[in-house]
């Protein structure tokens, strides 16, 4: 029951923000801007997004598992990752780590706790990588939001310390005992040098979304250079990761309107935010849904996860 309440709150936040945007700005003009966008750039952005979400992300996950001495077939990880994408729209908060861990348990015949350790490791690496990209964008962009810069910088330092040293916590830390031991399994099995390499790989993966976003901006005729794209989009990526909405819907669009206020009109910023959500999240989820439909194993996986979590 609590999970359903949380899910309803997520949808309310997303719906509320979209309603506010529609009331506060010319939603029709934003949709018109999308309709008149350069199709060549939009199609290129779609290809980049789907390749990164469906094909490249599982490769990063496989490297995380391999660094921990765990062997799982790449094809299984592609299947689990693809099937998890549409499920994230019907799950409370952002529990993609649990969804993917459940899939790994089913397809990879792996202990759930170990599988969850790999997905938590992966999520933390991706979050830190996005922060690193943002910090890089800070140095390349002369016009910045100082409050956001300081907040992300401090948060990034904290996350890096957790990522590098969580495996060094004393036994039975905060009374968690065996639970913590299993959760940090991949962190303990991965050397510091391997962690750094995986962070580098994560930066490359997350950079795919930056490239796709730049193509979207070009398609909309938005006058923003690549360095500005790195800064603004990585900030929006970080903000939309806050687990209070459905896949960042509403938050992402609002952040784009507010973030691009100095370089684009509100309608153009809204159009960009809508396309970011459509191309980076909804489109891969549709592709994942197709995999789900075509695979009986994925359908079993989906029913199992929804039944357990809901």
C-alpha atoms as a PDB file:
ATOM      1  CA  UNK A   1       0.000   0.000   0.000  1.00  0.00           C
ATOM      2  CA  UNK A   2       2.821   2.429   0.877  1.00  0.00           C
ATOM      3  CA  UNK A   3       4.501   1.731  -2.449  1.00  0.00           C
ATOM      4  CA  UNK A   4       1.303   2.640  -4.292  1.00  0.00           C
ATOM      5  CA  UNK A   5       1.068   5.893  -2.333  1.00  0.00           C
ATOM      6  CA  UNK A   6       4.675   6.727  -3.224  1.00  0.00           C
ATOM      7  CA  UNK A   7       3.957   5.954  -6.887  1.00  0.00           C
ATOM      8  CA  UNK A   8       0.880   8.205  -6.812  1.00  0.00           C
ATOM      9  CA  UNK A   9       2.971  11.027  -5.311  1.00  0.00           C
ATOM     10  CA  UNK A  10       5.542  10.634  -8.093  1.00  0.00           C
ATOM     11  CA  UNK A  11       2.851  10.941 -10.724  1.00  0.00           C
ATOM     12  CA  UNK A  12       1.310  13.910  -8.922  1.00  0.00           C
ATOM     13  CA  UNK A  13       4.644  15.760  -8.895  1.00  0.00           C
ATOM     14  CA  UNK A  14       5.214  15.108 -12.601  1.00  0.00           C
ATOM     15  CA  UNK A  15       1.631  15.953 -13.568  1.00  0.00           C
ATOM     16  CA  UNK A  16       1.631  19.056 -11.373  1.00  0.00           C
ATOM     17  CA  UNK A  17       4.818  20.435 -12.903  1.00  0.00           C
ATOM     18  CA  UNK A  18       3.655  19.742 -16.466  1.00  0.00           C
ATOM     19  CA  UNK A  19       0.338  21.473 -15.673  1.00  0.00           C
ATOM     20  CA  UNK A  20       2.210  24.471 -14.246  1.00  0.00           C
ATOM     21  CA  UNK A  21       4.405  24.686 -17.348  1.00  0.00           C
ATOM     22  CA  UNK A  22       1.355  24.492 -19.601  1.00  0.00           C
ATOM     23  CA  UNK A  23      -0.353  27.296 -17.649  1.00  0.00           C
ATOM     24  CA  UNK A  24       2.720  29.509 -17.295  1.00  0.00           C
ATOM     25  CA  UNK A  25       4.174  29.218 -20.795  1.00  0.00           C
ATOM     26  CA  UNK A  26       2.924  28.810 -24.339  1.00  0.00           C
ATOM     27  CA  UNK A  27       2.760  25.013 -24.475  1.00  0.00           C
ATOM     28  CA  UNK A  28       1.316  25.102 -27.990  1.00  0.00           C
ATOM     29  CA  UNK A  29       4.267  27.180 -29.217  1.00  0.00           C
ATOM     30  CA  UNK A  30       6.667  24.663 -27.657  1.00  0.00           C
ATOM     31  CA  UNK A  31       4.924  21.789 -29.443  1.00  0.00           C
ATOM     32  CA  UNK A  32       4.981  23.797 -32.659  1.00  0.00           C
ATOM     33  CA  UNK A  33       8.730  24.242 -32.218  1.00  0.00           C
ATOM     34  CA  UNK A  34       9.118  20.494 -31.878  1.00  0.00           C
ATOM     35  CA  UNK A  35       7.031  19.950 -35.014  1.00  0.00           C
ATOM     36  CA  UNK A  36       9.236  22.294 -37.036  1.00  0.00           C
ATOM     37  CA  UNK A  37      12.537  20.904 -35.758  1.00  0.00           C
ATOM     38  CA  UNK A  38      15.153  19.643 -38.213  1.00  0.00           C
ATOM     39  CA  UNK A  39      14.313  15.941 -38.552  1.00  0.00           C
ATOM     40  CA  UNK A  40      17.896  14.986 -39.428  1.00  0.00           C
ATOM     41  CA  UNK A  41      19.250  16.154 -36.075  1.00  0.00           C
ATOM     42  CA  UNK A  42      16.316  14.669 -34.144  1.00  0.00           C
ATOM     43  CA  UNK A  43      16.743  11.252 -35.799  1.00  0.00           C
ATOM     44  CA  UNK A  44      20.487  11.343 -35.075  1.00  0.00           C
ATOM     45  CA  UNK A  45      19.730  12.162 -31.416  1.00  0.00           C
ATOM     46  CA  UNK A  46      17.321   9.210 -31.276  1.00  0.00           C
ATOM     47  CA  UNK A  47      19.932   6.816 -32.636  1.00  0.00           C
ATOM     48  CA  UNK A  48      22.550   7.977 -30.127  1.00  0.00           C
ATOM     49  CA  UNK A  49      20.093   7.713 -27.230  1.00  0.00           C
ATOM     50  CA  UNK A  50      18.882   4.212 -28.075  1.00  0.00           C
ATOM     51  CA  UNK A  51      22.412   2.917 -28.677  1.00  0.00           C
ATOM     52  CA  UNK A  52      23.630   4.293 -25.348  1.00  0.00           C
ATOM     53  CA  UNK A  53      20.610   3.173 -23.292  1.00  0.00           C
ATOM     54  CA  UNK A  54      20.105  -0.244 -24.863  1.00  0.00           C
ATOM     55  CA  UNK A  55      23.566  -1.352 -25.986  1.00  0.00           C
ATOM     56  CA  UNK A  56      26.317   0.636 -24.231  1.00  0.00           C
ATOM     57  CA  UNK A  57      24.879   0.808 -20.702  1.00  0.00           C
ATOM     58  CA  UNK A  58      24.831  -3.032 -20.336  1.00  0.00           C
ATOM     59  CA  UNK A  59      28.498  -3.076 -21.386  1.00  0.00           C
ATOM     60  CA  UNK A  60      29.325  -0.739 -18.494  1.00  0.00           C
ATOM     61  CA  UNK A  61      27.301  -2.980 -16.170  1.00  0.00           C
ATOM     62  CA  UNK A  62      29.162  -6.052 -17.397  1.00  0.00           C
ATOM     63  CA  UNK A  63      32.473  -4.349 -16.614  1.00  0.00           C
ATOM     64  CA  UNK A  64      31.269  -3.590 -13.094  1.00  0.00           C
ATOM     65  CA  UNK A  65      30.354  -7.250 -12.597  1.00  0.00           C
ATOM     66  CA  UNK A  66      33.596  -8.466 -14.151  1.00  0.00           C
ATOM     67  CA  UNK A  67      35.686  -6.242 -11.877  1.00  0.00           C
ATOM     68  CA  UNK A  68      33.965  -7.993  -8.952  1.00  0.00           C
ATOM     69  CA  UNK A  69      34.712 -11.470 -10.296  1.00  0.00           C
ATOM     70  CA  UNK A  70      31.102 -12.037 -11.406  1.00  0.00           C
ATOM     71  CA  UNK A  71      30.501 -13.359 -14.932  1.00  0.00           C
ATOM     72  CA  UNK A  72      27.216 -12.619 -16.710  1.00  0.00           C
ATOM     73  CA  UNK A  73      26.564 -12.792 -20.458  1.00  0.00           C
ATOM     74  CA  UNK A  74      26.280  -9.465 -22.240  1.00  0.00           C
ATOM     75  CA  UNK A  75      23.079 -10.587 -23.989  1.00  0.00           C
ATOM     76  CA  UNK A  76      21.441 -11.289 -20.628  1.00  0.00           C
ATOM     77  CA  UNK A  77      22.376  -7.839 -19.379  1.00  0.00           C
ATOM     78  CA  UNK A  78      20.981  -6.249 -22.555  1.00  0.00           C
ATOM     79  CA  UNK A  79      17.712  -8.117 -21.988  1.00  0.00           C
ATOM     80  CA  UNK A  80      17.441  -7.208 -18.307  1.00  0.00           C
ATOM     81  CA  UNK A  81      18.341  -3.572 -18.939  1.00  0.00           C
ATOM     82  CA  UNK A  82      15.899  -3.223 -21.844  1.00  0.00           C
ATOM     83  CA  UNK A  83      13.035  -4.822 -19.927  1.00  0.00           C
ATOM     84  CA  UNK A  84      13.697  -2.634 -16.883  1.00  0.00           C
ATOM     85  CA  UNK A  85      13.318   0.634 -18.811  1.00  0.00           C
ATOM     86  CA  UNK A  86       9.501   0.568 -19.192  1.00  0.00           C
ATOM     87  CA  UNK A  87       9.113  -0.834 -15.675  1.00  0.00           C
ATOM     88  CA  UNK A  88      10.661   2.319 -14.223  1.00  0.00           C
ATOM     89  CA  UNK A  89       7.557   4.238 -15.283  1.00  0.00           C
ATOM     90  CA  UNK A  90       5.307   2.090 -13.092  1.00  0.00           C
ATOM     91  CA  UNK A  91       7.531   1.687 -10.044  1.00  0.00           C
ATOM     92  CA  UNK A  92       7.596   3.905  -6.946  1.00  0.00           C
ATOM     93  CA  UNK A  93      10.459   6.393  -6.898  1.00  0.00           C
ATOM     94  CA  UNK A  94      13.652   5.496  -8.763  1.00  0.00           C
ATOM     95  CA  UNK A  95      14.234   1.867  -7.885  1.00  0.00           C
ATOM     96  CA  UNK A  96      15.829   0.840 -11.169  1.00  0.00           C
ATOM     97  CA  UNK A  97      18.606  -0.738  -9.116  1.00  0.00           C
ATOM     98  CA  UNK A  98      16.113  -3.140  -7.518  1.00  0.00           C
ATOM     99  CA  UNK A  99      14.423  -3.818 -10.865  1.00  0.00           C
ATOM    100  CA  UNK A 100      17.712  -4.648 -12.590  1.00  0.00           C
ATOM    101  CA  UNK A 101      18.915  -6.704  -9.636  1.00  0.00           C
ATOM    102  CA  UNK A 102      15.705  -8.768  -9.783  1.00  0.00           C
ATOM    103  CA  UNK A 103      16.263  -9.342 -13.497  1.00  0.00           C
ATOM    104  CA  UNK A 104      19.871 -10.353 -12.918  1.00  0.00           C
ATOM    105  CA  UNK A 105      18.733 -12.818 -10.290  1.00  0.00           C
ATOM    106  CA  UNK A 106      16.310 -14.401 -12.766  1.00  0.00           C
ATOM    107  CA  UNK A 107      18.366 -14.330 -15.973  1.00  0.00           C
ATOM    108  CA  UNK A 108      21.850 -14.570 -14.497  1.00  0.00           C
ATOM    109  CA  UNK A 109      20.978 -17.022 -11.714  1.00  0.00           C
ATOM    110  CA  UNK A 110      22.700 -14.726  -9.225  1.00  0.00           C
ATOM    111  CA  UNK A 111      22.109 -14.073  -5.559  1.00  0.00           C
ATOM    112  CA  UNK A 112      19.846 -11.003  -5.286  1.00  0.00           C
ATOM    113  CA  UNK A 113      22.082  -9.228  -2.748  1.00  0.00           C
ATOM    114  CA  UNK A 114      25.119  -9.551  -5.021  1.00  0.00           C
ATOM    115  CA  UNK A 115      23.089  -8.417  -8.016  1.00  0.00           C
ATOM    116  CA  UNK A 116      21.854  -5.404  -6.056  1.00  0.00           C
ATOM    117  CA  UNK A 117      25.421  -4.556  -5.063  1.00  0.00           C
ATOM    118  CA  UNK A 118      26.361  -4.321  -8.760  1.00  0.00           C
ATOM    119  CA  UNK A 119      23.407  -2.074  -9.620  1.00  0.00           C
ATOM    120  CA  UNK A 120      24.078   0.231  -6.653  1.00  0.00           C
ATOM    121  CA  UNK A 121      27.731   0.429  -7.707  1.00  0.00           C
ATOM    122  CA  UNK A 122      26.626   1.236 -11.248  1.00  0.00           C
ATOM    123  CA  UNK A 123      24.141   3.916 -10.166  1.00  0.00           C
ATOM    124  CA  UNK A 124      26.697   5.621  -7.930  1.00  0.00           C
ATOM    125  CA  UNK A 125      29.324   5.540 -10.698  1.00  0.00           C
ATOM    126  CA  UNK A 126      26.891   7.076 -13.197  1.00  0.00           C
ATOM    127  CA  UNK A 127      25.847   9.782 -10.712  1.00  0.00           C
ATOM    128  CA  UNK A 128      29.470  10.693  -9.986  1.00  0.00           C
ATOM    129  CA  UNK A 129      30.277  10.654 -13.707  1.00  0.00           C
ATOM    130  CA  UNK A 130      27.473  13.143 -14.361  1.00  0.00           C
ATOM    131  CA  UNK A 131      28.869  15.363 -11.598  1.00  0.00           C
ATOM    132  CA  UNK A 132      32.342  15.157 -13.157  1.00  0.00           C
ATOM    133  CA  UNK A 133      30.927  16.203 -16.523  1.00  0.00           C
ATOM    134  CA  UNK A 134      29.170  19.134 -14.841  1.00  0.00           C
ATOM    135  CA  UNK A 135      32.363  20.265 -13.106  1.00  0.00           C
ATOM    136  CA  UNK A 136      34.131  20.086 -16.464  1.00  0.00           C
ATOM    137  CA  UNK A 137      31.342  22.187 -17.951  1.00  0.00           C
ATOM    138  CA  UNK A 138      31.844  24.749 -15.177  1.00  0.00           C
ATOM    139  CA  UNK A 139      35.366  25.406 -16.391  1.00  0.00           C
ATOM    140  CA  UNK A 140      34.236  25.730 -20.004  1.00  0.00           C
ATOM    141  CA  UNK A 141      31.228  27.985 -19.447  1.00  0.00           C
ATOM    142  CA  UNK A 142      31.808  31.580 -18.228  1.00  0.00           C
ATOM    143  CA  UNK A 143      28.125  32.133 -17.319  1.00  0.00           C
ATOM    144  CA  UNK A 144      27.248  29.859 -14.395  1.00  0.00           C
ATOM    145  CA  UNK A 145      24.808  29.381 -11.542  1.00  0.00           C
ATOM    146  CA  UNK A 146      27.094  29.710  -8.519  1.00  0.00           C
ATOM    147  CA  UNK A 147      24.700  28.137  -5.998  1.00  0.00           C
ATOM    148  CA  UNK A 148      24.338  25.069  -8.208  1.00  0.00           C
ATOM    149  CA  UNK A 149      28.097  24.946  -8.785  1.00  0.00           C
ATOM    150  CA  UNK A 150      28.902  24.888  -5.076  1.00  0.00           C
ATOM    151  CA  UNK A 151      26.156  22.384  -4.266  1.00  0.00           C
ATOM    152  CA  UNK A 152      27.232  19.937  -6.963  1.00  0.00           C
ATOM    153  CA  UNK A 153      30.912  20.380  -6.120  1.00  0.00           C
ATOM    154  CA  UNK A 154      30.381  19.571  -2.437  1.00  0.00           C
ATOM    155  CA  UNK A 155      28.052  16.693  -3.268  1.00  0.00           C
ATOM    156  CA  UNK A 156      30.540  15.286  -5.772  1.00  0.00           C
ATOM    157  CA  UNK A 157      33.326  15.219  -3.195  1.00  0.00           C
ATOM    158  CA  UNK A 158      31.053  13.382  -0.757  1.00  0.00           C
ATOM    159  CA  UNK A 159      29.962  10.826  -3.349  1.00  0.00           C
ATOM    160  CA  UNK A 160      33.559  10.203  -4.411  1.00  0.00           C
ATOM    161  CA  UNK A 161      34.557   9.509  -0.811  1.00  0.00           C
ATOM    162  CA  UNK A 162      31.650   7.079  -0.442  1.00  0.00           C
ATOM    163  CA  UNK A 163      32.472   5.391  -3.752  1.00  0.00           C
ATOM    164  CA  UNK A 164      36.136   4.919  -2.908  1.00  0.00           C
ATOM    165  CA  UNK A 165      35.901   4.122   0.802  1.00  0.00           C
ATOM    166  CA  UNK A 166      32.521   2.548   1.568  1.00  0.00           C
ATOM    167  CA  UNK A 167      34.167  -0.883   1.469  1.00  0.00           C
ATOM    168  CA  UNK A 168      36.412   0.194   4.350  1.00  0.00           C
ATOM    169  CA  UNK A 169      33.602   0.721   6.847  1.00  0.00           C
ATOM    170  CA  UNK A 170      33.932  -1.314  10.055  1.00  0.00           C
ATOM    171  CA  UNK A 171      32.020  -4.567  10.434  1.00  0.00           C
ATOM    172  CA  UNK A 172      28.413  -4.199  11.604  1.00  0.00           C
ATOM    173  CA  UNK A 173      28.483  -0.457  10.849  1.00  0.00           C
ATOM    174  CA  UNK A 174      25.285   1.130  12.273  1.00  0.00           C
ATOM    175  CA  UNK A 175      24.111  -2.368  13.107  1.00  0.00           C
ATOM    176  CA  UNK A 176      23.680  -3.280   9.427  1.00  0.00           C
ATOM    177  CA  UNK A 177      26.011  -6.258   9.634  1.00  0.00           C
ATOM    178  CA  UNK A 178      25.433  -8.838   6.886  1.00  0.00           C
ATOM    179  CA  UNK A 179      23.150  -6.521   4.897  1.00  0.00           C
ATOM    180  CA  UNK A 180      25.910  -3.935   4.477  1.00  0.00           C
ATOM    181  CA  UNK A 181      28.437  -6.676   3.757  1.00  0.00           C
ATOM    182  CA  UNK A 182      26.395  -7.879   0.781  1.00  0.00           C
ATOM    183  CA  UNK A 183      25.557  -4.390  -0.426  1.00  0.00           C
ATOM    184  CA  UNK A 184      29.222  -3.363  -0.652  1.00  0.00           C
ATOM    185  CA  UNK A 185      30.365  -6.662  -2.165  1.00  0.00           C
ATOM    186  CA  UNK A 186      31.219  -5.150  -5.565  1.00  0.00           C
ATOM    187  CA  UNK A 187      32.933  -2.192  -3.906  1.00  0.00           C
ATOM    188  CA  UNK A 188      35.143  -4.549  -1.871  1.00  0.00           C
ATOM    189  CA  UNK A 189      36.031  -6.755  -4.822  1.00  0.00           C
ATOM    190  CA  UNK A 190      36.910  -3.834  -7.086  1.00  0.00           C
ATOM    191  CA  UNK A 191      40.344  -2.268  -6.666  1.00  0.00           C
ATOM    192  CA  UNK A 192      40.753   1.508  -6.439  1.00  0.00           C
ATOM    193  CA  UNK A 193      42.345   1.586  -9.897  1.00  0.00           C
ATOM    194  CA  UNK A 194      39.441  -0.399 -11.354  1.00  0.00           C
ATOM    195  CA  UNK A 195      37.013   2.013  -9.708  1.00  0.00           C
ATOM    196  CA  UNK A 196      38.746   4.938 -11.382  1.00  0.00           C
ATOM    197  CA  UNK A 197      38.618   3.177 -14.762  1.00  0.00           C
ATOM    198  CA  UNK A 198      34.922   2.409 -14.314  1.00  0.00           C
ATOM    199  CA  UNK A 199      34.284   6.053 -13.483  1.00  0.00           C
ATOM    200  CA  UNK A 200      36.026   6.995 -16.721  1.00  0.00           C
ATOM    201  CA  UNK A 201      33.866   4.521 -18.623  1.00  0.00           C
ATOM    202  CA  UNK A 202      30.778   5.958 -16.912  1.00  0.00           C
ATOM    203  CA  UNK A 203      31.745   9.468 -18.011  1.00  0.00           C
ATOM    204  CA  UNK A 204      31.891   8.256 -21.617  1.00  0.00           C
ATOM    205  CA  UNK A 205      28.483   6.593 -21.290  1.00  0.00           C
ATOM    206  CA  UNK A 206      26.880   9.694 -19.779  1.00  0.00           C
ATOM    207  CA  UNK A 207      28.508  11.833 -22.439  1.00  0.00           C
ATOM    208  CA  UNK A 208      26.280  10.057 -24.939  1.00  0.00           C
ATOM    209  CA  UNK A 209      23.323  11.950 -23.487  1.00  0.00           C
ATOM    210  CA  UNK A 210      25.250  15.224 -23.844  1.00  0.00           C
ATOM    211  CA  UNK A 211      25.886  14.514 -27.529  1.00  0.00           C
ATOM    212  CA  UNK A 212      22.263  13.537 -28.094  1.00  0.00           C
ATOM    213  CA  UNK A 213      21.132  16.732 -26.341  1.00  0.00           C
ATOM    214  CA  UNK A 214      23.415  18.857 -28.520  1.00  0.00           C
ATOM    215  CA  UNK A 215      21.818  17.284 -31.593  1.00  0.00           C
ATOM    216  CA  UNK A 216      18.365  18.080 -30.168  1.00  0.00           C
ATOM    217  CA  UNK A 217      19.388  21.713 -29.612  1.00  0.00           C
ATOM    218  CA  UNK A 218      20.667  21.905 -33.173  1.00  0.00           C
ATOM    219  CA  UNK A 219      17.423  20.415 -34.432  1.00  0.00           C
ATOM    220  CA  UNK A 220      15.471  23.132 -32.612  1.00  0.00           C
ATOM    221  CA  UNK A 221      17.766  25.844 -33.971  1.00  0.00           C
ATOM    222  CA  UNK A 222      18.903  26.721 -30.454  1.00  0.00           C
ATOM    223  CA  UNK A 223      21.994  28.936 -30.486  1.00  0.00           C
ATOM    224  CA  UNK A 224      24.020  27.185 -27.817  1.00  0.00           C
ATOM    225  CA  UNK A 225      27.540  25.848 -28.266  1.00  0.00           C
ATOM    226  CA  UNK A 226      28.793  22.419 -27.217  1.00  0.00           C
ATOM    227  CA  UNK A 227      30.543  23.695 -24.087  1.00  0.00           C
ATOM    228  CA  UNK A 228      27.330  25.343 -22.905  1.00  0.00           C
ATOM    229  CA  UNK A 229      25.484  22.116 -23.660  1.00  0.00           C
ATOM    230  CA  UNK A 230      27.854  20.188 -21.389  1.00  0.00           C
ATOM    231  CA  UNK A 231      27.172  22.558 -18.514  1.00  0.00           C
ATOM    232  CA  UNK A 232      23.406  23.013 -18.814  1.00  0.00           C
ATOM    233  CA  UNK A 233      22.473  19.454 -19.762  1.00  0.00           C
ATOM    234  CA  UNK A 234      24.616  17.806 -17.085  1.00  0.00           C
ATOM    235  CA  UNK A 235      22.995  20.116 -14.509  1.00  0.00           C
ATOM    236  CA  UNK A 236      19.535  19.131 -15.763  1.00  0.00           C
ATOM    237  CA  UNK A 237      20.565  15.456 -15.659  1.00  0.00           C
ATOM    238  CA  UNK A 238      21.573  15.831 -12.015  1.00  0.00           C
ATOM    239  CA  UNK A 239      18.411  17.688 -11.029  1.00  0.00           C
ATOM    240  CA  UNK A 240      16.156  15.167 -12.778  1.00  0.00           C
ATOM    241  CA  UNK A 241      17.819  12.326 -10.831  1.00  0.00           C
ATOM    242  CA  UNK A 242      16.151  13.589  -7.644  1.00  0.00           C
ATOM    243  CA  UNK A 243      13.708  10.749  -6.808  1.00  0.00           C
ATOM    244  CA  UNK A 244      10.487  12.724  -6.488  1.00  0.00           C
ATOM    245  CA  UNK A 245       8.909  12.270  -9.912  1.00  0.00           C
ATOM    246  CA  UNK A 246       8.355   9.674 -12.624  1.00  0.00           C
ATOM    247  CA  UNK A 247      11.647   9.464 -14.510  1.00  0.00           C
ATOM    248  CA  UNK A 248      12.260  13.176 -13.954  1.00  0.00           C
ATOM    249  CA  UNK A 249       9.226  14.161 -16.054  1.00  0.00           C
ATOM    250  CA  UNK A 250       8.233  17.710 -15.179  1.00  0.00           C
ATOM    251  CA  UNK A 251      11.444  18.376 -13.287  1.00  0.00           C
ATOM    252  CA  UNK A 252      13.535  18.046 -16.449  1.00  0.00           C
ATOM    253  CA  UNK A 253      11.310  20.390 -18.454  1.00  0.00           C
ATOM    254  CA  UNK A 254      11.186  22.956 -15.644  1.00  0.00           C
ATOM    255  CA  UNK A 255      14.969  22.824 -15.233  1.00  0.00           C
ATOM    256  CA  UNK A 256      15.475  23.359 -18.962  1.00  0.00           C
ATOM    257  CA  UNK A 257      13.173  26.396 -19.014  1.00  0.00           C
ATOM    258  CA  UNK A 258      14.901  27.922 -15.976  1.00  0.00           C
ATOM    259  CA  UNK A 259      18.425  26.929 -16.972  1.00  0.00           C
ATOM    260  CA  UNK A 260      18.237  28.235 -20.542  1.00  0.00           C
ATOM    261  CA  UNK A 261      16.435  31.477 -19.667  1.00  0.00           C
ATOM    262  CA  UNK A 262      19.566  33.481 -20.503  1.00  0.00           C
ATOM    263  CA  UNK A 263      20.237  31.843 -23.871  1.00  0.00           C
ATOM    264  CA  UNK A 264      16.798  30.872 -25.182  1.00  0.00           C
ATOM    265  CA  UNK A 265      13.144  31.779 -24.929  1.00  0.00           C
ATOM    266  CA  UNK A 266      10.914  29.923 -22.487  1.00  0.00           C
ATOM    267  CA  UNK A 267       9.056  28.111 -25.280  1.00  0.00           C
ATOM    268  CA  UNK A 268      12.305  26.899 -26.839  1.00  0.00           C
ATOM    269  CA  UNK A 269      13.568  25.734 -23.447  1.00  0.00           C
ATOM    270  CA  UNK A 270      10.291  23.905 -22.850  1.00  0.00           C
ATOM    271  CA  UNK A 271      10.474  22.275 -26.284  1.00  0.00           C
ATOM    272  CA  UNK A 272      14.039  21.168 -25.528  1.00  0.00           C
ATOM    273  CA  UNK A 273      12.993  19.710 -22.168  1.00  0.00           C
ATOM    274  CA  UNK A 274      10.106  17.802 -23.722  1.00  0.00           C
ATOM    275  CA  UNK A 275      12.386  16.357 -26.398  1.00  0.00           C
ATOM    276  CA  UNK A 276      14.999  15.364 -23.811  1.00  0.00           C
ATOM    277  CA  UNK A 277      12.358  13.373 -21.945  1.00  0.00           C
ATOM    278  CA  UNK A 278      10.936  11.870 -25.129  1.00  0.00           C
ATOM    279  CA  UNK A 279      14.247  10.862 -26.703  1.00  0.00           C
ATOM    280  CA  UNK A 280      16.331   9.970 -23.639  1.00  0.00           C
ATOM    281  CA  UNK A 281      13.688   8.189 -21.573  1.00  0.00           C
ATOM    282  CA  UNK A 282      10.406   7.425 -23.327  1.00  0.00           C
ATOM    283  CA  UNK A 283      11.932   6.218 -26.612  1.00  0.00           C
ATOM    284  CA  UNK A 284      14.357   3.737 -24.962  1.00  0.00           C
ATOM    285  CA  UNK A 285      11.480   2.555 -22.744  1.00  0.00           C
ATOM    286  CA  UNK A 286       9.405   1.867 -25.869  1.00  0.00           C
ATOM    287  CA  UNK A 287      12.278  -0.114 -27.366  1.00  0.00           C
ATOM    288  CA  UNK A 288      12.626  -1.971 -24.065  1.00  0.00           C
ATOM    289  CA  UNK A 289       8.886  -2.590 -24.109  1.00  0.00           C
ATOM    290  CA  UNK A 290       9.223  -4.187 -27.539  1.00  0.00           C
ATOM    291  CA  UNK A 291      11.877  -6.515 -26.133  1.00  0.00           C
ATOM    292  CA  UNK A 292       9.491  -7.271 -23.278  1.00  0.00           C
ATOM    293  CA  UNK A 293       6.669  -8.149 -25.675  1.00  0.00           C
ATOM    294  CA  UNK A 294       8.869 -10.389 -27.802  1.00  0.00           C
ATOM    295  CA  UNK A 295      10.443 -12.244 -24.868  1.00  0.00           C
ATOM    296  CA  UNK A 296       8.439 -14.558 -22.623  1.00  0.00           C
ATOM    297  CA  UNK A 297      11.323 -14.457 -20.135  1.00  0.00           C
ATOM    298  CA  UNK A 298      11.066 -10.679 -19.950  1.00  0.00           C
ATOM    299  CA  UNK A 299       7.318 -10.876 -19.364  1.00  0.00           C
ATOM    300  CA  UNK A 300       7.911 -13.289 -16.494  1.00  0.00           C
ATOM    301  CA  UNK A 301      10.572 -10.939 -15.151  1.00  0.00           C
ATOM    302  CA  UNK A 302       8.198  -7.990 -15.370  1.00  0.00           C
ATOM    303  CA  UNK A 303       5.332  -9.766 -13.597  1.00  0.00           C
ATOM    304  CA  UNK A 304       7.679 -10.980 -10.867  1.00  0.00           C
ATOM    305  CA  UNK A 305       9.178  -7.552 -10.182  1.00  0.00           C
ATOM    306  CA  UNK A 306       5.857  -5.713 -10.238  1.00  0.00           C
ATOM    307  CA  UNK A 307       4.349  -8.312  -7.936  1.00  0.00           C
ATOM    308  CA  UNK A 308       7.206  -8.053  -5.451  1.00  0.00           C
ATOM    309  CA  UNK A 309       7.575  -4.291  -5.397  1.00  0.00           C
ATOM    310  CA  UNK A 310       3.955  -3.188  -5.688  1.00  0.00           C
END
